[in-house]
Amino acid sequence: MAQAPRYTPNPVPSNPEDLPRYIFEELTKLQGALQENATTFIEVKNVEPSKKKQGDIVYADGSDFNPGSAGEGIYFVNAAGNYTKL
C-alpha cells in the first residue's frame, strides 16, 4: 500500500531572527517529502462516494461500486455528473 509523504517539523526557534532560516529549511524539507513519491495512489472504493463533483477521479471495485455496470476501473465525473470509465 502507498505511504503518505513523511514530514516532521523541527521545533520553532525562540529567537525571531532565526525564523527566516527556519522557514527556508522547513520548506525545503516539505519539498523533499512531496517529491519522495512520484506515483499517485488511488484507493479502491467499494461504495460510491457520498458527494461527487465534476473532475473527481475514483477507482471502483466493480462489484459493490460499479458505475454504469462497466466493471472495475478508474472513472472520472464528467460535466453532466456521470461517471465515465477511463
C-alpha atoms as a PDB file:
ATOM      1  CA  MET A   1       0.000   0.000   0.000  1.00  0.00           C
ATOM      2  CA  ALA A   2       1.273   3.515  -0.775  1.00  0.00           C
ATOM      3  CA  GLN A   3       2.563   5.620   2.072  1.00  0.00           C
ATOM      4  CA  ALA A   4       1.897   9.299   2.609  1.00  0.00           C
ATOM      5  CA  PRO A   5       4.920  11.572   2.323  1.00  0.00           C
ATOM      6  CA  ARG A   6       6.750  11.862   5.649  1.00  0.00           C
ATOM      7  CA  TYR A   7       7.436  15.245   7.163  1.00  0.00           C
ATOM      8  CA  THR A   8       8.170  16.088  10.774  1.00  0.00           C
ATOM      9  CA  PRO A   9       8.768  19.753  11.539  1.00  0.00           C
ATOM     10  CA  ASN A  10      11.642  20.878  13.718  1.00  0.00           C
ATOM     11  CA  PRO A  11      10.865  22.936  16.823  1.00  0.00           C
ATOM     12  CA  VAL A  12      10.238  26.616  16.107  1.00  0.00           C
ATOM     13  CA  PRO A  13      13.203  28.734  17.205  1.00  0.00           C
ATOM     14  CA  SER A  14      12.639  31.096  20.118  1.00  0.00           C
ATOM     15  CA  ASN A  15      14.784  33.816  18.563  1.00  0.00           C
ATOM     16  CA  PRO A  16      12.760  35.743  15.925  1.00  0.00           C
ATOM     17  CA  GLU A  17      15.958  36.406  13.971  1.00  0.00           C
ATOM     18  CA  ASP A  18      16.236  32.650  13.308  1.00  0.00           C
ATOM     19  CA  LEU A  19      12.771  32.425  11.719  1.00  0.00           C
ATOM     20  CA  PRO A  20      13.773  33.149   8.083  1.00  0.00           C
ATOM     21  CA  ARG A  21      16.349  30.342   8.110  1.00  0.00           C
ATOM     22  CA  TYR A  22      13.907  28.016   9.920  1.00  0.00           C
ATOM     23  CA  ILE A  23      11.151  28.676   7.370  1.00  0.00           C
ATOM     24  CA  PHE A  24      13.531  28.123   4.455  1.00  0.00           C
ATOM     25  CA  GLU A  25      14.754  24.810   5.907  1.00  0.00           C
ATOM     26  CA  GLU A  26      11.215  23.608   6.663  1.00  0.00           C
ATOM     27  CA  LEU A  27      10.005  24.465   3.164  1.00  0.00           C
ATOM     28  CA  THR A  28      12.975  22.588   1.720  1.00  0.00           C
ATOM     29  CA  LYS A  29      12.086  19.549   3.852  1.00  0.00           C
ATOM     30  CA  LEU A  30       8.455  19.745   2.716  1.00  0.00           C
ATOM     31  CA  GLN A  31       9.511  19.890  -0.911  1.00  0.00           C
ATOM     32  CA  GLY A  32      11.630  16.778  -0.439  1.00  0.00           C
ATOM     33  CA  ALA A  33       8.797  14.923   1.293  1.00  0.00           C
ATOM     34  CA  LEU A  34       6.372  15.745  -1.502  1.00  0.00           C
ATOM     35  CA  GLN A  35       8.821  14.639  -4.187  1.00  0.00           C
ATOM     36  CA  GLU A  36       9.548  11.285  -2.485  1.00  0.00           C
ATOM     37  CA  ASN A  37       6.561   9.548  -4.017  1.00  0.00           C
ATOM     38  CA  ALA A  38       6.063  10.472  -7.650  1.00  0.00           C
ATOM     39  CA  THR A  39       3.363   7.807  -8.047  1.00  0.00           C
ATOM     40  CA  THR A  40      -0.239   8.796  -7.446  1.00  0.00           C
ATOM     41  CA  PHE A  41      -2.221   6.348  -5.353  1.00  0.00           C
ATOM     42  CA  ILE A  42      -5.971   5.960  -5.924  1.00  0.00           C
ATOM     43  CA  GLU A  43      -7.717   3.936  -3.244  1.00  0.00           C
ATOM     44  CA  VAL A  44     -10.154   1.260  -4.470  1.00  0.00           C
ATOM     45  CA  LYS A  45     -13.703   2.173  -3.425  1.00  0.00           C
ATOM     46  CA  ASN A  46     -16.384  -0.420  -2.805  1.00  0.00           C
ATOM     47  CA  VAL A  47     -19.045   2.225  -2.093  1.00  0.00           C
ATOM     48  CA  GLU A  48     -19.932   5.237  -4.226  1.00  0.00           C
ATOM     49  CA  PRO A  49     -18.671   8.444  -2.591  1.00  0.00           C
ATOM     50  CA  SER A  50     -21.484  10.345  -0.852  1.00  0.00           C
ATOM     51  CA  LYS A  51     -20.605  13.577  -2.678  1.00  0.00           C
ATOM     52  CA  LYS A  52     -19.259  13.829  -6.181  1.00  0.00           C
ATOM     53  CA  LYS A  53     -18.320  16.802  -8.315  1.00  0.00           C
ATOM     54  CA  GLN A  54     -17.092  17.362 -11.837  1.00  0.00           C
ATOM     55  CA  GLY A  55     -13.475  16.254 -12.166  1.00  0.00           C
ATOM     56  CA  ASP A  56     -13.487  13.731  -9.311  1.00  0.00           C
ATOM     57  CA  ILE A  57     -11.496  10.579 -10.040  1.00  0.00           C
ATOM     58  CA  VAL A  58     -12.312   7.278  -8.323  1.00  0.00           C
ATOM     59  CA  TYR A  59     -11.248   3.660  -8.598  1.00  0.00           C
ATOM     60  CA  ALA A  60     -14.394   1.498  -8.417  1.00  0.00           C
ATOM     61  CA  ASP A  61     -14.059  -2.127  -7.328  1.00  0.00           C
ATOM     62  CA  GLY A  62     -16.590  -3.241  -9.964  1.00  0.00           C
ATOM     63  CA  SER A  63     -18.762  -5.282  -7.619  1.00  0.00           C
ATOM     64  CA  ASP A  64     -20.255  -3.223  -4.784  1.00  0.00           C
ATOM     65  CA  PHE A  65     -19.428   0.059  -6.553  1.00  0.00           C
ATOM     66  CA  ASN A  66     -19.928  -0.472 -10.271  1.00  0.00           C
ATOM     67  CA  PRO A  67     -20.794   2.773 -12.095  1.00  0.00           C
ATOM     68  CA  GLY A  68     -22.872   2.087 -15.175  1.00  0.00           C
ATOM     69  CA  SER A  69     -22.155  -1.655 -14.907  1.00  0.00           C
ATOM     70  CA  ALA A  70     -18.830  -1.074 -16.666  1.00  0.00           C
ATOM     71  CA  GLY A  71     -16.847  -3.107 -14.135  1.00  0.00           C
ATOM     72  CA  GLU A  72     -13.700  -2.463 -12.122  1.00  0.00           C
ATOM     73  CA  GLY A  73     -11.686   0.551 -13.169  1.00  0.00           C
ATOM     74  CA  ILE A  74     -10.857   4.204 -12.864  1.00  0.00           C
ATOM     75  CA  TYR A  75     -13.655   6.666 -13.540  1.00  0.00           C
ATOM     76  CA  PHE A  76     -13.976  10.435 -13.635  1.00  0.00           C
ATOM     77  CA  VAL A  77     -17.083  12.554 -13.108  1.00  0.00           C
ATOM     78  CA  ASN A  78     -17.930  14.480 -16.283  1.00  0.00           C
ATOM     79  CA  ALA A  79     -19.740  17.834 -16.646  1.00  0.00           C
ATOM     80  CA  ALA A  80     -23.119  16.083 -16.589  1.00  0.00           C
ATOM     81  CA  GLY A  81     -22.277  14.500 -13.220  1.00  0.00           C
ATOM     82  CA  ASN A  82     -21.912  10.994 -14.649  1.00  0.00           C
ATOM     83  CA  TYR A  83     -19.072   8.557 -14.144  1.00  0.00           C
ATOM     84  CA  THR A  84     -17.019   7.900 -17.282  1.00  0.00           C
ATOM     85  CA  LYS A  85     -14.585   5.000 -17.363  1.00  0.00           C
ATOM     86  CA  LEU A  86     -11.054   5.927 -18.345  1.00  0.00           C
END
